[in-house]
Amino acid sequence: FACSDSRVCPSHVLDFQPGEAFVVRNVANLVPPYDQDKYSGTGSAIEYAVLHLKVQYIVVIGHSACGGIKGLMTFPYDGKYSTDFIEEWVKVGLPAKAK
């Protein structure tokens, strides 16, 4: 799992060649908890990688100056901006922030 940020390329950072890694990228490189009714894109990526590609290791790659993590750390928002998706997605990280 890696951030969608174009400044960070997991294949380049870890020196993978095409076909050596199954990469899932999203805002803030979050891995949400299991929930059959939500986050099906992330869940289906994990299921496909483990069941069909026989992936043995799952790596979460973070990076400095991540805008998604910055948003999480400044939550709750001041209400200046309204988003349809970003706020709900970043809330996935609230349990980790609480620790």
N, C-alpha and C. Protein backbone atom coordinates (compact mmCIF):
# COMPACT_ATOMS: atom_id res chain seq x y z
N PHE A 1 0.84 -1.17 0.00
CA PHE A 1 0.00 0.00 0.00
C PHE A 1 0.88 1.22 0.00
N ALA A 2 0.57 2.14 -0.88
CA ALA A 2 1.36 3.36 -0.99
C ALA A 2 0.42 4.54 -1.21
N CYS A 3 0.94 5.72 -0.98
CA CYS A 3 0.17 6.94 -1.17
C CYS A 3 0.01 7.24 -2.66
N SER A 4 -1.07 7.90 -2.98
CA SER A 4 -1.31 8.32 -4.37
C SER A 4 -0.39 9.43 -4.82
N ASP A 5 0.31 10.05 -3.89
CA ASP A 5 1.21 11.17 -4.18
C ASP A 5 2.19 10.78 -5.29
N SER A 6 2.23 11.57 -6.34
CA SER A 6 3.08 11.25 -7.49
C SER A 6 4.57 11.40 -7.20
N ARG A 7 4.91 12.02 -6.08
CA ARG A 7 6.33 12.18 -5.73
C ARG A 7 6.94 10.89 -5.20
N VAL A 8 6.09 9.92 -4.87
CA VAL A 8 6.57 8.67 -4.28
C VAL A 8 6.15 7.51 -5.18
N CYS A 9 7.12 6.83 -5.77
CA CYS A 9 6.84 5.68 -6.62
C CYS A 9 7.35 4.42 -5.91
N PRO A 10 6.45 3.57 -5.41
CA PRO A 10 6.88 2.40 -4.66
C PRO A 10 7.85 1.50 -5.42
N SER A 11 7.62 1.31 -6.70
CA SER A 11 8.52 0.45 -7.48
C SER A 11 9.93 1.03 -7.53
N HIS A 12 10.02 2.33 -7.62
CA HIS A 12 11.33 2.98 -7.66
C HIS A 12 12.00 2.93 -6.28
N VAL A 13 11.24 3.26 -5.25
CA VAL A 13 11.79 3.29 -3.89
C VAL A 13 12.31 1.92 -3.47
N LEU A 14 11.57 0.86 -3.80
CA LEU A 14 11.94 -0.49 -3.38
C LEU A 14 12.65 -1.29 -4.47
N ASP A 15 12.93 -0.65 -5.59
CA ASP A 15 13.65 -1.28 -6.70
C ASP A 15 12.95 -2.53 -7.23
N PHE A 16 11.63 -2.45 -7.38
CA PHE A 16 10.87 -3.53 -7.98
C PHE A 16 10.86 -3.38 -9.49
N GLN A 17 10.84 -4.49 -10.18
CA GLN A 17 10.68 -4.51 -11.62
C GLN A 17 9.20 -4.77 -11.93
N PRO A 18 8.74 -4.44 -13.14
CA PRO A 18 7.35 -4.73 -13.50
C PRO A 18 7.03 -6.21 -13.26
N GLY A 19 5.91 -6.45 -12.62
CA GLY A 19 5.49 -7.82 -12.33
C GLY A 19 5.96 -8.36 -10.99
N GLU A 20 6.79 -7.63 -10.28
CA GLU A 20 7.32 -8.12 -9.00
C GLU A 20 6.48 -7.71 -7.79
N ALA A 21 5.59 -6.74 -7.96
CA ALA A 21 4.80 -6.27 -6.83
C ALA A 21 3.39 -5.91 -7.29
N PHE A 22 2.43 -6.18 -6.45
CA PHE A 22 1.06 -5.75 -6.67
C PHE A 22 0.86 -4.53 -5.78
N VAL A 23 0.70 -3.37 -6.38
CA VAL A 23 0.69 -2.11 -5.62
C VAL A 23 -0.71 -1.51 -5.59
N VAL A 24 -1.14 -1.14 -4.41
CA VAL A 24 -2.41 -0.43 -4.22
C VAL A 24 -2.05 0.96 -3.70
N ARG A 25 -2.54 1.98 -4.38
CA ARG A 25 -2.24 3.36 -3.98
C ARG A 25 -3.54 4.07 -3.64
N ASN A 26 -3.50 4.83 -2.57
CA ASN A 26 -4.65 5.65 -2.19
C ASN A 26 -4.16 6.85 -1.38
N VAL A 27 -5.06 7.77 -1.12
CA VAL A 27 -4.71 8.96 -0.34
C VAL A 27 -4.27 8.52 1.06
N ALA A 28 -3.07 8.92 1.44
CA ALA A 28 -2.49 8.67 2.78
C ALA A 28 -2.11 7.22 3.02
N ASN A 29 -2.04 6.40 1.99
CA ASN A 29 -1.68 4.98 2.09
C ASN A 29 -2.37 4.28 3.26
N LEU A 30 -3.69 4.47 3.36
CA LEU A 30 -4.46 3.89 4.45
C LEU A 30 -4.94 2.48 4.11
N VAL A 31 -5.00 1.63 5.13
CA VAL A 31 -5.58 0.30 5.00
C VAL A 31 -6.73 0.25 6.00
N PRO A 32 -7.96 0.35 5.52
CA PRO A 32 -9.10 0.41 6.43
C PRO A 32 -9.36 -0.95 7.09
N PRO A 33 -10.09 -0.94 8.21
CA PRO A 33 -10.45 -2.21 8.85
C PRO A 33 -11.43 -2.99 7.98
N TYR A 34 -11.51 -4.28 8.21
CA TYR A 34 -12.41 -5.14 7.45
C TYR A 34 -13.85 -4.67 7.63
N ASP A 35 -14.56 -4.54 6.53
CA ASP A 35 -15.96 -4.16 6.54
C ASP A 35 -16.54 -4.54 5.18
N GLN A 36 -17.48 -5.48 5.17
CA GLN A 36 -18.04 -5.94 3.90
C GLN A 36 -18.85 -4.88 3.18
N ASP A 37 -19.30 -3.86 3.89
CA ASP A 37 -20.16 -2.85 3.29
C ASP A 37 -19.42 -1.58 2.87
N LYS A 38 -18.15 -1.43 3.29
CA LYS A 38 -17.40 -0.23 2.97
C LYS A 38 -16.01 -0.62 2.48
N TYR A 39 -15.39 0.28 1.78
CA TYR A 39 -13.99 0.12 1.35
C TYR A 39 -13.76 -1.13 0.50
N SER A 40 -14.72 -1.47 -0.35
CA SER A 40 -14.60 -2.70 -1.12
C SER A 40 -13.42 -2.69 -2.08
N GLY A 41 -12.99 -1.52 -2.53
CA GLY A 41 -11.83 -1.46 -3.42
C GLY A 41 -10.58 -1.93 -2.74
N THR A 42 -10.37 -1.48 -1.51
CA THR A 42 -9.19 -1.90 -0.76
C THR A 42 -9.29 -3.37 -0.38
N GLY A 43 -10.45 -3.76 0.11
CA GLY A 43 -10.65 -5.16 0.49
C GLY A 43 -10.49 -6.11 -0.68
N SER A 44 -11.02 -5.74 -1.84
CA SER A 44 -10.89 -6.61 -3.01
C SER A 44 -9.44 -6.70 -3.48
N ALA A 45 -8.69 -5.62 -3.34
CA ALA A 45 -7.27 -5.65 -3.72
C ALA A 45 -6.49 -6.61 -2.82
N ILE A 46 -6.76 -6.56 -1.51
CA ILE A 46 -6.10 -7.48 -0.59
C ILE A 46 -6.49 -8.92 -0.90
N GLU A 47 -7.77 -9.15 -1.06
CA GLU A 47 -8.26 -10.50 -1.34
C GLU A 47 -7.67 -11.06 -2.63
N TYR A 48 -7.64 -10.26 -3.67
CA TYR A 48 -7.08 -10.70 -4.94
C TYR A 48 -5.59 -11.02 -4.80
N ALA A 49 -4.86 -10.13 -4.15
CA ALA A 49 -3.42 -10.33 -4.00
C ALA A 49 -3.11 -11.60 -3.22
N VAL A 50 -3.82 -11.81 -2.13
CA VAL A 50 -3.53 -12.96 -1.27
C VAL A 50 -4.04 -14.27 -1.87
N LEU A 51 -5.29 -14.28 -2.35
CA LEU A 51 -5.87 -15.53 -2.85
C LEU A 51 -5.40 -15.93 -4.24
N HIS A 52 -5.28 -14.96 -5.13
CA HIS A 52 -4.97 -15.30 -6.52
C HIS A 52 -3.51 -15.12 -6.90
N LEU A 53 -2.87 -14.14 -6.32
CA LEU A 53 -1.45 -13.91 -6.64
C LEU A 53 -0.52 -14.55 -5.61
N LYS A 54 -1.11 -15.09 -4.55
CA LYS A 54 -0.34 -15.77 -3.49
C LYS A 54 0.68 -14.84 -2.83
N VAL A 55 0.32 -13.57 -2.67
CA VAL A 55 1.19 -12.60 -2.00
C VAL A 55 1.42 -13.05 -0.56
N GLN A 56 2.67 -13.02 -0.14
CA GLN A 56 3.01 -13.46 1.22
C GLN A 56 3.22 -12.28 2.17
N TYR A 57 3.61 -11.15 1.66
CA TYR A 57 3.93 -10.00 2.50
C TYR A 57 3.14 -8.78 2.04
N ILE A 58 2.61 -8.05 3.00
CA ILE A 58 1.92 -6.80 2.71
C ILE A 58 2.72 -5.69 3.38
N VAL A 59 3.08 -4.68 2.59
CA VAL A 59 3.90 -3.57 3.07
C VAL A 59 3.12 -2.27 2.91
N VAL A 60 3.13 -1.45 3.94
CA VAL A 60 2.52 -0.12 3.87
C VAL A 60 3.67 0.87 3.82
N ILE A 61 3.72 1.63 2.73
CA ILE A 61 4.83 2.56 2.50
C ILE A 61 4.33 3.99 2.72
N GLY A 62 4.83 4.64 3.75
CA GLY A 62 4.50 6.03 4.01
C GLY A 62 5.60 6.94 3.50
N HIS A 63 5.36 8.24 3.55
CA HIS A 63 6.38 9.20 3.12
C HIS A 63 6.20 10.50 3.89
N SER A 64 7.23 11.30 3.88
CA SER A 64 7.18 12.58 4.58
C SER A 64 6.30 13.58 3.83
N ALA A 65 5.81 14.56 4.55
CA ALA A 65 5.00 15.65 3.98
C ALA A 65 3.76 15.14 3.25
N CYS A 66 3.13 14.10 3.78
CA CYS A 66 1.94 13.53 3.15
C CYS A 66 0.73 14.41 3.47
N GLY A 67 0.08 14.90 2.43
CA GLY A 67 -1.09 15.76 2.61
C GLY A 67 -2.25 15.03 3.27
N GLY A 68 -2.43 13.74 2.94
CA GLY A 68 -3.51 12.97 3.55
C GLY A 68 -3.31 12.80 5.04
N ILE A 69 -2.09 12.50 5.45
CA ILE A 69 -1.79 12.35 6.87
C ILE A 69 -1.88 13.71 7.58
N LYS A 70 -1.46 14.75 6.90
CA LYS A 70 -1.60 16.10 7.47
C LYS A 70 -3.07 16.40 7.75
N GLY A 71 -3.94 16.03 6.80
CA GLY A 71 -5.37 16.21 6.99
C GLY A 71 -5.88 15.42 8.19
N LEU A 72 -5.42 14.19 8.33
CA LEU A 72 -5.81 13.36 9.47
C LEU A 72 -5.37 14.00 10.78
N MET A 73 -4.15 14.49 10.82
CA MET A 73 -3.61 15.04 12.06
C MET A 73 -4.26 16.37 12.45
N THR A 74 -4.86 17.07 11.48
CA THR A 74 -5.53 18.34 11.79
C THR A 74 -7.04 18.16 11.92
N PHE A 75 -7.51 16.91 11.91
CA PHE A 75 -8.93 16.61 12.05
C PHE A 75 -9.35 16.89 13.50
N PRO A 76 -10.49 17.45 13.85
CA PRO A 76 -11.56 17.77 12.93
C PRO A 76 -11.29 19.04 12.14
N TYR A 77 -11.84 19.08 10.97
CA TYR A 77 -11.61 20.21 10.08
C TYR A 77 -12.33 21.45 10.58
N ASP A 78 -11.86 22.58 10.14
CA ASP A 78 -12.44 23.85 10.58
C ASP A 78 -13.73 24.20 9.85
N GLY A 79 -14.14 23.38 8.90
CA GLY A 79 -15.39 23.60 8.21
C GLY A 79 -15.30 24.53 7.02
N LYS A 80 -14.12 25.02 6.69
CA LYS A 80 -13.96 25.93 5.55
C LYS A 80 -14.22 25.22 4.23
N TYR A 81 -13.88 23.94 4.17
CA TYR A 81 -14.00 23.19 2.93
C TYR A 81 -14.95 22.03 3.14
N SER A 82 -15.74 21.76 2.14
CA SER A 82 -16.64 20.62 2.19
C SER A 82 -16.18 19.62 1.13
N THR A 83 -16.03 18.38 1.54
CA THR A 83 -15.63 17.36 0.58
C THR A 83 -16.63 16.22 0.61
N ASP A 84 -16.79 15.56 -0.51
CA ASP A 84 -17.69 14.42 -0.58
C ASP A 84 -17.01 13.12 -0.15
N PHE A 85 -15.71 13.01 -0.41
CA PHE A 85 -15.02 11.74 -0.19
C PHE A 85 -13.81 11.83 0.74
N ILE A 86 -13.04 12.89 0.64
CA ILE A 86 -11.75 12.96 1.34
C ILE A 86 -11.91 12.84 2.85
N GLU A 87 -12.83 13.60 3.43
CA GLU A 87 -12.99 13.58 4.88
C GLU A 87 -13.34 12.18 5.38
N GLU A 88 -14.29 11.52 4.73
CA GLU A 88 -14.67 10.17 5.16
C GLU A 88 -13.51 9.19 5.02
N TRP A 89 -12.73 9.33 3.95
CA TRP A 89 -11.59 8.43 3.75
C TRP A 89 -10.54 8.64 4.83
N VAL A 90 -10.20 9.89 5.10
CA VAL A 90 -9.15 10.18 6.08
C VAL A 90 -9.58 9.75 7.49
N LYS A 91 -10.87 9.73 7.76
CA LYS A 91 -11.36 9.27 9.07
C LYS A 91 -10.96 7.83 9.35
N VAL A 92 -10.64 7.06 8.32
CA VAL A 92 -10.18 5.69 8.50
C VAL A 92 -8.98 5.65 9.44
N GLY A 93 -8.17 6.69 9.43
CA GLY A 93 -6.97 6.74 10.25
C GLY A 93 -7.17 7.26 11.66
N LEU A 94 -8.39 7.65 12.04
CA LEU A 94 -8.62 8.21 13.38
C LEU A 94 -8.24 7.27 14.52
N PRO A 95 -8.52 5.95 14.44
CA PRO A 95 -8.09 5.07 15.54
C PRO A 95 -6.57 5.07 15.72
N ALA A 96 -5.83 5.12 14.64
CA ALA A 96 -4.37 5.16 14.75
C ALA A 96 -3.92 6.49 15.35
N LYS A 97 -4.59 7.56 14.96
CA LYS A 97 -4.25 8.88 15.51
C LYS A 97 -4.48 8.91 17.02
N ALA A 98 -5.53 8.25 17.47
CA ALA A 98 -5.87 8.25 18.89
C ALA A 98 -4.81 7.53 19.74
N LYS A 99 -4.05 6.65 19.12
CA LYS A 99 -3.01 5.92 19.86
C LYS A 99 -1.83 6.81 20.00
